[in-house]
Amino acid sequence: MTVFMDSVSLFFMVFVRLAGMLLMNPMFSRRNVPSVVRMGLIFFLTILVMPTVDNTPLAGLGGFELALMMFRELAIGLCLGMAFQFFYMMLYFTGDLLDVTFGFSMAKVFDPGTNLQVAMSSSIFFNVFMLYLIATDSHLAIIHLFCYTFKALPLGGAVLTPELAQGMMKIFTDVFLLAIRLAMPFVAMEFVLEVGMGILMRFVPQIQVFSINFQLKQGLAFIMLFLFAPFVGSFMDNYLIVMLETMQNVLGAMGGNL
């Protein structure tokens, strides 16, 4: 009976950590994915990971201690999932910035994964990043990293300290700077266009600049997206590497043995 209860406790500990990580990760928590599929994935991964997890920290714990440890494991999963979410949400931020820059801010598209109206450029960047993850099997690397957390950070071994909160803020700042780097060429080109329109209006006042400025912005936006496609792909590659390295840093901040 004791062995059975230990196995049940271990199952729930592994389950809640994986649930926190996967349900906070936009790639696996999109609302157009049925809940049964998401829960089934978490359950399947839990069954696979359980034999590799040391249940020694669970020995001799009462119901209250097990509940506290379960909440701690859930907090670990949510922290790791939130760190992943920073990277995905910054792509939405970059798209919003570009749409405001090029005059597409009123044109929104429906995202079935979040049930929200998002900018067109945000949808483009997010879908390109998702396709890149799948094409490079990086989604499998993410799942492997989630499972590896039980080796790097055994049950009950996490330490939630103020340094972890500072680390999360640093992740947010670093990802924000990466998003600005992605948007900067487009914003700079739009600035050059605005300066050119101002000079043209100053020297040729007969031209109705305001009637052609919007069309020029739209045309320039599509041309820039086409010309910078190779550079965006290179950026996505580096973005993914930084994302995986960041997850390792978060594990280290929690006291993980990397």
C-alpha atoms as a PDB file:
ATOM      1  CA  MET A   1       0.000   0.000   0.000  1.00  0.00           C
ATOM      2  CA  THR A   2       2.842   2.368   0.828  1.00  0.00           C
ATOM      3  CA  VAL A   3       4.500   1.668  -2.509  1.00  0.00           C
ATOM      4  CA  PHE A   4       1.223   2.383  -4.283  1.00  0.00           C
ATOM      5  CA  MET A   5       0.716   5.698  -2.453  1.00  0.00           C
ATOM      6  CA  ASP A   6       4.299   6.724  -3.179  1.00  0.00           C
ATOM      7  CA  SER A   7       3.714   6.003  -6.872  1.00  0.00           C
ATOM      8  CA  VAL A   8       0.498   8.046  -6.855  1.00  0.00           C
ATOM      9  CA  SER A   9       2.251  10.949  -5.121  1.00  0.00           C
ATOM     10  CA  LEU A  10       5.119  10.775  -7.596  1.00  0.00           C
ATOM     11  CA  PHE A  11       2.669  10.753 -10.494  1.00  0.00           C
ATOM     12  CA  PHE A  12       0.938  13.920  -9.326  1.00  0.00           C
ATOM     13  CA  MET A  13       4.241  15.696  -8.618  1.00  0.00           C
ATOM     14  CA  VAL A  14       5.494  15.003 -12.132  1.00  0.00           C
ATOM     15  CA  PHE A  15       2.098  15.764 -13.640  1.00  0.00           C
ATOM     16  CA  VAL A  16       1.689  19.220 -12.080  1.00  0.00           C
ATOM     17  CA  ARG A  17       5.201  20.334 -13.052  1.00  0.00           C
ATOM     18  CA  LEU A  18       4.718  19.240 -16.658  1.00  0.00           C
ATOM     19  CA  ALA A  19       1.242  20.784 -16.680  1.00  0.00           C
ATOM     20  CA  GLY A  20       2.631  24.129 -15.531  1.00  0.00           C
ATOM     21  CA  MET A  21       5.341  24.094 -18.196  1.00  0.00           C
ATOM     22  CA  LEU A  22       3.185  22.934 -21.096  1.00  0.00           C
ATOM     23  CA  LEU A  23       0.049  24.934 -20.339  1.00  0.00           C
ATOM     24  CA  MET A  24       2.066  28.157 -20.044  1.00  0.00           C
ATOM     25  CA  ASN A  25       3.899  27.453 -23.297  1.00  0.00           C
ATOM     26  CA  PRO A  26       1.944  29.071 -26.167  1.00  0.00           C
ATOM     27  CA  MET A  27       3.044  26.342 -28.554  1.00  0.00           C
ATOM     28  CA  PHE A  28       1.213  23.649 -26.583  1.00  0.00           C
ATOM     29  CA  SER A  29      -1.519  25.716 -24.914  1.00  0.00           C
ATOM     30  CA  ARG A  30      -3.221  27.208 -27.959  1.00  0.00           C
ATOM     31  CA  ARG A  31      -6.981  27.146 -27.567  1.00  0.00           C
ATOM     32  CA  ASN A  32      -7.551  25.598 -30.964  1.00  0.00           C
ATOM     33  CA  VAL A  33      -5.843  22.482 -29.588  1.00  0.00           C
ATOM     34  CA  PRO A  34      -8.472  20.338 -27.804  1.00  0.00           C
ATOM     35  CA  SER A  35      -8.087  20.084 -24.044  1.00  0.00           C
ATOM     36  CA  VAL A  36      -8.181  16.297 -24.310  1.00  0.00           C
ATOM     37  CA  VAL A  37      -5.098  16.381 -26.541  1.00  0.00           C
ATOM     38  CA  ARG A  38      -3.223  18.661 -24.156  1.00  0.00           C
ATOM     39  CA  MET A  39      -4.104  16.615 -21.091  1.00  0.00           C
ATOM     40  CA  GLY A  40      -3.283  13.432 -22.979  1.00  0.00           C
ATOM     41  CA  LEU A  41       0.160  14.777 -23.888  1.00  0.00           C
ATOM     42  CA  ILE A  42       0.855  15.709 -20.274  1.00  0.00           C
ATOM     43  CA  PHE A  43      -0.380  12.313 -19.053  1.00  0.00           C
ATOM     44  CA  PHE A  44       1.711  10.452 -21.640  1.00  0.00           C
ATOM     45  CA  LEU A  45       4.861  12.414 -20.774  1.00  0.00           C
ATOM     46  CA  THR A  46       4.222  11.837 -17.073  1.00  0.00           C
ATOM     47  CA  ILE A  47       4.081   8.073 -17.590  1.00  0.00           C
ATOM     48  CA  LEU A  48       7.339   8.200 -19.572  1.00  0.00           C
ATOM     49  CA  VAL A  49       9.204  10.418 -17.116  1.00  0.00           C
ATOM     50  CA  MET A  50       8.077   8.780 -13.858  1.00  0.00           C
ATOM     51  CA  PRO A  51      10.551   5.837 -13.952  1.00  0.00           C
ATOM     52  CA  THR A  52      13.482   8.271 -14.221  1.00  0.00           C
ATOM     53  CA  VAL A  53      12.448  10.473 -11.282  1.00  0.00           C
ATOM     54  CA  ASP A  54      13.786   9.832  -7.799  1.00  0.00           C
ATOM     55  CA  ASN A  55      10.910   9.613  -5.310  1.00  0.00           C
ATOM     56  CA  THR A  56      13.144   9.613  -2.232  1.00  0.00           C
ATOM     57  CA  PRO A  57      12.114  13.185  -1.223  1.00  0.00           C
ATOM     58  CA  LEU A  58       8.501  11.962  -0.977  1.00  0.00           C
ATOM     59  CA  ALA A  59       9.239   9.261   1.584  1.00  0.00           C
ATOM     60  CA  GLY A  60       7.605   9.844   4.950  1.00  0.00           C
ATOM     61  CA  LEU A  61       5.782  13.033   3.960  1.00  0.00           C
ATOM     62  CA  GLY A  62       2.285  13.676   5.248  1.00  0.00           C
ATOM     63  CA  GLY A  63      -0.659  15.016   3.313  1.00  0.00           C
ATOM     64  CA  PHE A  64       0.085  18.674   4.136  1.00  0.00           C
ATOM     65  CA  GLU A  65       3.751  18.376   3.154  1.00  0.00           C
ATOM     66  CA  LEU A  66       2.788  16.653  -0.103  1.00  0.00           C
ATOM     67  CA  ALA A  67       0.326  19.440  -0.896  1.00  0.00           C
ATOM     68  CA  LEU A  68       3.002  22.081  -0.297  1.00  0.00           C
ATOM     69  CA  MET A  69       5.464  20.213  -2.495  1.00  0.00           C
ATOM     70  CA  MET A  70       2.826  19.884  -5.205  1.00  0.00           C
ATOM     71  CA  PHE A  71       2.259  23.646  -5.192  1.00  0.00           C
ATOM     72  CA  ARG A  72       6.019  24.141  -5.367  1.00  0.00           C
ATOM     73  CA  GLU A  73       6.300  21.842  -8.375  1.00  0.00           C
ATOM     74  CA  LEU A  74       3.441  23.713 -10.035  1.00  0.00           C
ATOM     75  CA  ALA A  75       5.234  27.011  -9.362  1.00  0.00           C
ATOM     76  CA  ILE A  76       8.405  25.607 -10.952  1.00  0.00           C
ATOM     77  CA  GLY A  77       6.491  24.592 -14.052  1.00  0.00           C
ATOM     78  CA  LEU A  78       4.742  27.960 -14.280  1.00  0.00           C
ATOM     79  CA  CYS A  79       8.053  29.847 -13.953  1.00  0.00           C
ATOM     80  CA  LEU A  80       9.639  27.837 -16.756  1.00  0.00           C
ATOM     81  CA  GLY A  81       6.545  28.148 -18.910  1.00  0.00           C
ATOM     82  CA  MET A  82       6.385  31.893 -18.310  1.00  0.00           C
ATOM     83  CA  ALA A  83      10.002  32.269 -19.388  1.00  0.00           C
ATOM     84  CA  PHE A  84       9.069  30.542 -22.645  1.00  0.00           C
ATOM     85  CA  GLN A  85       6.015  32.755 -22.997  1.00  0.00           C
ATOM     86  CA  PHE A  86       8.180  35.886 -22.920  1.00  0.00           C
ATOM     87  CA  PHE A  87       9.799  34.811 -26.182  1.00  0.00           C
ATOM     88  CA  TYR A  88       6.495  34.115 -27.908  1.00  0.00           C
ATOM     89  CA  MET A  89       4.776  37.295 -26.706  1.00  0.00           C
ATOM     90  CA  MET A  90       7.654  39.481 -27.853  1.00  0.00           C
ATOM     91  CA  LEU A  91       6.959  38.341 -31.411  1.00  0.00           C
ATOM     92  CA  TYR A  92       3.450  39.720 -30.995  1.00  0.00           C
ATOM     93  CA  PHE A  93       4.924  42.951 -29.654  1.00  0.00           C
ATOM     94  CA  THR A  94       7.243  43.246 -32.652  1.00  0.00           C
ATOM     95  CA  GLY A  95       4.340  42.736 -35.041  1.00  0.00           C
ATOM     96  CA  ASP A  96       2.243  45.366 -33.251  1.00  0.00           C
ATOM     97  CA  LEU A  97       5.127  47.831 -33.467  1.00  0.00           C
ATOM     98  CA  LEU A  98       5.538  47.230 -37.201  1.00  0.00           C
ATOM     99  CA  ASP A  99       1.818  47.551 -37.893  1.00  0.00           C
ATOM    100  CA  VAL A 100       1.678  50.884 -36.085  1.00  0.00           C
ATOM    101  CA  THR A 101       4.740  52.015 -38.021  1.00  0.00           C
ATOM    102  CA  PHE A 102       3.370  51.076 -41.440  1.00  0.00           C
ATOM    103  CA  GLY A 103      -0.242  52.086 -40.870  1.00  0.00           C
ATOM    104  CA  PHE A 104      -1.768  48.633 -40.386  1.00  0.00           C
ATOM    105  CA  SER A 105      -2.760  49.166 -36.755  1.00  0.00           C
ATOM    106  CA  MET A 106      -6.486  49.150 -37.594  1.00  0.00           C
ATOM    107  CA  ALA A 107      -6.220  45.909 -39.576  1.00  0.00           C
ATOM    108  CA  LYS A 108      -6.410  42.968 -37.193  1.00  0.00           C
ATOM    109  CA  VAL A 109      -6.700  39.242 -37.817  1.00  0.00           C
ATOM    110  CA  PHE A 110      -8.296  36.663 -35.554  1.00  0.00           C
ATOM    111  CA  ASP A 111      -5.882  34.261 -33.900  1.00  0.00           C
ATOM    112  CA  PRO A 112      -7.741  31.009 -33.116  1.00  0.00           C
ATOM    113  CA  GLY A 113      -4.979  29.946 -30.745  1.00  0.00           C
ATOM    114  CA  THR A 114      -5.532  32.832 -28.337  1.00  0.00           C
ATOM    115  CA  ASN A 115      -9.055  33.937 -29.345  1.00  0.00           C
ATOM    116  CA  LEU A 116      -7.704  37.466 -29.728  1.00  0.00           C
ATOM    117  CA  GLN A 117      -7.447  40.022 -32.495  1.00  0.00           C
ATOM    118  CA  VAL A 118      -3.741  40.369 -33.315  1.00  0.00           C
ATOM    119  CA  ALA A 119      -1.736  42.465 -35.746  1.00  0.00           C
ATOM    120  CA  MET A 120      -1.081  41.033 -39.197  1.00  0.00           C
ATOM    121  CA  SER A 121       2.681  41.246 -38.751  1.00  0.00           C
ATOM    122  CA  SER A 122       2.370  39.530 -35.366  1.00  0.00           C
ATOM    123  CA  SER A 123       0.539  36.645 -36.997  1.00  0.00           C
ATOM    124  CA  ILE A 124       3.227  36.399 -39.680  1.00  0.00           C
ATOM    125  CA  PHE A 125       6.143  36.377 -37.218  1.00  0.00           C
ATOM    126  CA  PHE A 126       4.432  33.968 -34.829  1.00  0.00           C
ATOM    127  CA  ASN A 127       3.485  31.484 -37.551  1.00  0.00           C
ATOM    128  CA  VAL A 128       6.954  31.659 -39.121  1.00  0.00           C
ATOM    129  CA  PHE A 129       8.510  30.961 -35.728  1.00  0.00           C
ATOM    130  CA  MET A 130       6.144  28.035 -35.142  1.00  0.00           C
ATOM    131  CA  LEU A 131       6.918  26.565 -38.554  1.00  0.00           C
ATOM    132  CA  TYR A 132      10.637  27.008 -37.892  1.00  0.00           C
ATOM    133  CA  LEU A 133      10.304  25.163 -34.576  1.00  0.00           C
ATOM    134  CA  ILE A 134       8.538  22.249 -36.235  1.00  0.00           C
ATOM    135  CA  ALA A 135      10.827  22.149 -39.294  1.00  0.00           C
ATOM    136  CA  THR A 136      13.944  21.953 -37.105  1.00  0.00           C
ATOM    137  CA  ASP A 137      12.396  19.495 -34.590  1.00  0.00           C
ATOM    138  CA  SER A 138      12.892  22.134 -31.926  1.00  0.00           C
ATOM    139  CA  HIS A 139       9.503  21.329 -30.427  1.00  0.00           C
ATOM    140  CA  LEU A 140      10.996  17.939 -29.516  1.00  0.00           C
ATOM    141  CA  ALA A 141      13.991  19.704 -27.976  1.00  0.00           C
ATOM    142  CA  ILE A 142      11.600  21.787 -25.867  1.00  0.00           C
ATOM    143  CA  ILE A 143       9.771  18.682 -24.658  1.00  0.00           C
ATOM    144  CA  HIS A 144      13.131  17.025 -23.908  1.00  0.00           C
ATOM    145  CA  LEU A 145      14.151  20.089 -21.918  1.00  0.00           C
ATOM    146  CA  PHE A 146      10.938  19.901 -19.926  1.00  0.00           C
ATOM    147  CA  CYS A 147      11.624  16.263 -19.100  1.00  0.00           C
ATOM    148  CA  TYR A 148      15.281  17.024 -18.323  1.00  0.00           C
ATOM    149  CA  THR A 149      14.205  19.413 -15.558  1.00  0.00           C
ATOM    150  CA  PHE A 150      13.504  16.412 -13.322  1.00  0.00           C
ATOM    151  CA  LYS A 151      17.155  15.385 -13.598  1.00  0.00           C
ATOM    152  CA  ALA A 152      18.585  18.872 -13.231  1.00  0.00           C
ATOM    153  CA  LEU A 153      16.064  19.872 -10.583  1.00  0.00           C
ATOM    154  CA  PRO A 154      14.889  16.863  -8.516  1.00  0.00           C
ATOM    155  CA  LEU A 155      11.606  16.907  -6.645  1.00  0.00           C
ATOM    156  CA  GLY A 156      11.870  19.238  -3.680  1.00  0.00           C
ATOM    157  CA  GLY A 157      15.210  20.574  -4.865  1.00  0.00           C
ATOM    158  CA  ALA A 158      14.013  23.900  -6.254  1.00  0.00           C
ATOM    159  CA  VAL A 159      14.725  27.127  -4.416  1.00  0.00           C
ATOM    160  CA  LEU A 160      12.374  30.036  -5.169  1.00  0.00           C
ATOM    161  CA  THR A 161      14.468  33.073  -4.225  1.00  0.00           C
ATOM    162  CA  PRO A 162      14.384  36.820  -5.002  1.00  0.00           C
ATOM    163  CA  GLU A 163      17.287  36.178  -7.379  1.00  0.00           C
ATOM    164  CA  LEU A 164      14.917  34.087  -9.490  1.00  0.00           C
ATOM    165  CA  ALA A 165      12.527  37.043  -9.792  1.00  0.00           C
ATOM    166  CA  GLN A 166      15.433  39.274 -10.792  1.00  0.00           C
ATOM    167  CA  GLY A 167      16.466  36.677 -13.351  1.00  0.00           C
ATOM    168  CA  MET A 168      12.962  36.634 -14.822  1.00  0.00           C
ATOM    169  CA  MET A 169      13.053  40.420 -15.144  1.00  0.00           C
ATOM    170  CA  LYS A 170      16.425  40.181 -16.878  1.00  0.00           C
ATOM    171  CA  ILE A 171      14.967  37.624 -19.298  1.00  0.00           C
ATOM    172  CA  PHE A 172      12.129  40.019 -20.064  1.00  0.00           C
ATOM    173  CA  THR A 173      14.603  42.846 -20.705  1.00  0.00           C
ATOM    174  CA  ASP A 174      16.840  40.724 -22.934  1.00  0.00           C
ATOM    175  CA  VAL A 175      13.911  39.437 -24.979  1.00  0.00           C
ATOM    176  CA  PHE A 176      12.555  42.972 -25.308  1.00  0.00           C
ATOM    177  CA  LEU A 177      15.889  44.099 -26.744  1.00  0.00           C
ATOM    178  CA  LEU A 178      15.832  41.186 -29.204  1.00  0.00           C
ATOM    179  CA  ALA A 179      12.364  42.227 -30.338  1.00  0.00           C
ATOM    180  CA  ILE A 180      13.549  45.806 -30.842  1.00  0.00           C
ATOM    181  CA  ARG A 181      16.478  44.509 -32.914  1.00  0.00           C
ATOM    182  CA  LEU A 182      14.054  42.629 -35.153  1.00  0.00           C
ATOM    183  CA  ALA A 183      11.825  45.669 -35.635  1.00  0.00           C
ATOM    184  CA  MET A 184      14.586  48.275 -35.958  1.00  0.00           C
ATOM    185  CA  PRO A 185      15.334  47.902 -39.725  1.00  0.00           C
ATOM    186  CA  PHE A 186      11.647  48.317 -40.542  1.00  0.00           C
ATOM    187  CA  VAL A 187      11.236  51.299 -38.225  1.00  0.00           C
ATOM    188  CA  ALA A 188      14.397  52.921 -39.608  1.00  0.00           C
ATOM    189  CA  MET A 189      13.195  52.512 -43.190  1.00  0.00           C
ATOM    190  CA  GLU A 190       9.832  54.042 -42.303  1.00  0.00           C
ATOM    191  CA  PHE A 191      11.657  56.966 -40.682  1.00  0.00           C
ATOM    192  CA  VAL A 192      13.625  57.508 -43.894  1.00  0.00           C
ATOM    193  CA  LEU A 193      10.343  57.455 -45.830  1.00  0.00           C
ATOM    194  CA  GLU A 194       8.802  60.058 -43.537  1.00  0.00           C
ATOM    195  CA  VAL A 195      11.850  62.310 -43.902  1.00  0.00           C
ATOM    196  CA  GLY A 196      11.696  61.917 -47.682  1.00  0.00           C
ATOM    197  CA  MET A 197       8.001  62.784 -47.721  1.00  0.00           C
ATOM    198  CA  GLY A 198       8.690  65.863 -45.612  1.00  0.00           C
ATOM    199  CA  ILE A 199      11.436  67.042 -47.967  1.00  0.00           C
ATOM    200  CA  LEU A 200       9.241  66.380 -51.004  1.00  0.00           C
ATOM    201  CA  MET A 201       6.341  68.321 -49.501  1.00  0.00           C
ATOM    202  CA  ARG A 202       8.687  71.202 -48.693  1.00  0.00           C
ATOM    203  CA  PHE A 203      10.111  71.536 -52.195  1.00  0.00           C
ATOM    204  CA  VAL A 204       7.096  70.429 -54.256  1.00  0.00           C
ATOM    205  CA  PRO A 205       4.047  71.688 -52.350  1.00  0.00           C
ATOM    206  CA  GLN A 206       1.751  70.898 -55.296  1.00  0.00           C
ATOM    207  CA  ILE A 207       2.063  67.154 -54.624  1.00  0.00           C
ATOM    208  CA  GLN A 208      -0.592  65.720 -52.315  1.00  0.00           C
ATOM    209  CA  VAL A 209       1.847  63.885 -50.064  1.00  0.00           C
ATOM    210  CA  PHE A 210      -0.782  62.688 -47.613  1.00  0.00           C
ATOM    211  CA  SER A 211      -2.688  60.915 -50.379  1.00  0.00           C
ATOM    212  CA  ILE A 212       0.315  58.824 -51.412  1.00  0.00           C
ATOM    213  CA  ASN A 213       2.085  58.443 -48.068  1.00  0.00           C
ATOM    214  CA  PHE A 214      -0.195  55.654 -46.871  1.00  0.00           C
ATOM    215  CA  GLN A 215       0.163  53.653 -50.093  1.00  0.00           C
ATOM    216  CA  LEU A 216       3.932  54.075 -50.009  1.00  0.00           C
ATOM    217  CA  LYS A 217       4.046  52.823 -46.430  1.00  0.00           C
ATOM    218  CA  GLN A 218       2.080  49.712 -47.319  1.00  0.00           C
ATOM    219  CA  GLY A 219       4.177  48.984 -50.394  1.00  0.00           C
ATOM    220  CA  LEU A 220       7.392  49.534 -48.463  1.00  0.00           C
ATOM    221  CA  ALA A 221       6.200  47.195 -45.707  1.00  0.00           C
ATOM    222  CA  PHE A 222       5.661  44.280 -48.104  1.00  0.00           C
ATOM    223  CA  ILE A 223       8.940  44.961 -49.923  1.00  0.00           C
ATOM    224  CA  MET A 224      10.831  45.052 -46.616  1.00  0.00           C
ATOM    225  CA  LEU A 225       9.252  41.807 -45.433  1.00  0.00           C
ATOM    226  CA  PHE A 226      10.264  40.148 -48.700  1.00  0.00           C
ATOM    227  CA  LEU A 227      13.824  41.516 -48.774  1.00  0.00           C
ATOM    228  CA  PHE A 228      14.508  40.834 -45.100  1.00  0.00           C
ATOM    229  CA  ALA A 229      13.089  37.294 -45.126  1.00  0.00           C
ATOM    230  CA  PRO A 230      16.582  35.658 -45.080  1.00  0.00           C
ATOM    231  CA  PHE A 231      17.675  37.896 -42.215  1.00  0.00           C
ATOM    232  CA  VAL A 232      14.470  37.174 -40.307  1.00  0.00           C
ATOM    233  CA  GLY A 233      15.209  33.454 -40.691  1.00  0.00           C
ATOM    234  CA  SER A 234      18.700  33.958 -39.282  1.00  0.00           C
ATOM    235  CA  PHE A 235      17.213  35.986 -36.443  1.00  0.00           C
ATOM    236  CA  MET A 236      14.754  33.180 -35.656  1.00  0.00           C
ATOM    237  CA  ASP A 237      17.650  30.715 -35.477  1.00  0.00           C
ATOM    238  CA  ASN A 238      19.497  32.880 -32.969  1.00  0.00           C
ATOM    239  CA  TYR A 239      16.235  33.594 -31.147  1.00  0.00           C
ATOM    240  CA  LEU A 240      15.668  29.877 -30.621  1.00  0.00           C
ATOM    241  CA  ILE A 241      19.207  29.320 -29.332  1.00  0.00           C
ATOM    242  CA  VAL A 242      18.823  32.173 -26.850  1.00  0.00           C
ATOM    243  CA  MET A 243      15.462  30.756 -25.739  1.00  0.00           C
ATOM    244  CA  LEU A 244      16.901  27.315 -24.945  1.00  0.00           C
ATOM    245  CA  GLU A 245      19.937  28.813 -23.210  1.00  0.00           C
ATOM    246  CA  THR A 246      17.633  31.001 -21.144  1.00  0.00           C
ATOM    247  CA  MET A 247      15.748  27.948 -19.920  1.00  0.00           C
ATOM    248  CA  GLN A 248      19.015  26.459 -18.694  1.00  0.00           C
ATOM    249  CA  ASN A 249      19.793  29.710 -16.865  1.00  0.00           C
ATOM    250  CA  VAL A 250      16.384  29.637 -15.188  1.00  0.00           C
ATOM    251  CA  LEU A 251      17.033  26.078 -14.018  1.00  0.00           C
ATOM    252  CA  GLY A 252      20.385  27.192 -12.659  1.00  0.00           C
ATOM    253  CA  ALA A 253      18.747  30.092 -10.802  1.00  0.00           C
ATOM    254  CA  MET A 254      16.409  27.585  -9.129  1.00  0.00           C
ATOM    255  CA  GLY A 255      19.371  25.568  -7.917  1.00  0.00           C
ATOM    256  CA  GLY A 256      19.427  23.055 -10.734  1.00  0.00           C
ATOM    257  CA  ASN A 257      22.445  20.830 -11.334  1.00  0.00           C
ATOM    258  CA  LEU A 258      23.192  21.448 -15.037  1.00  0.00           C
END
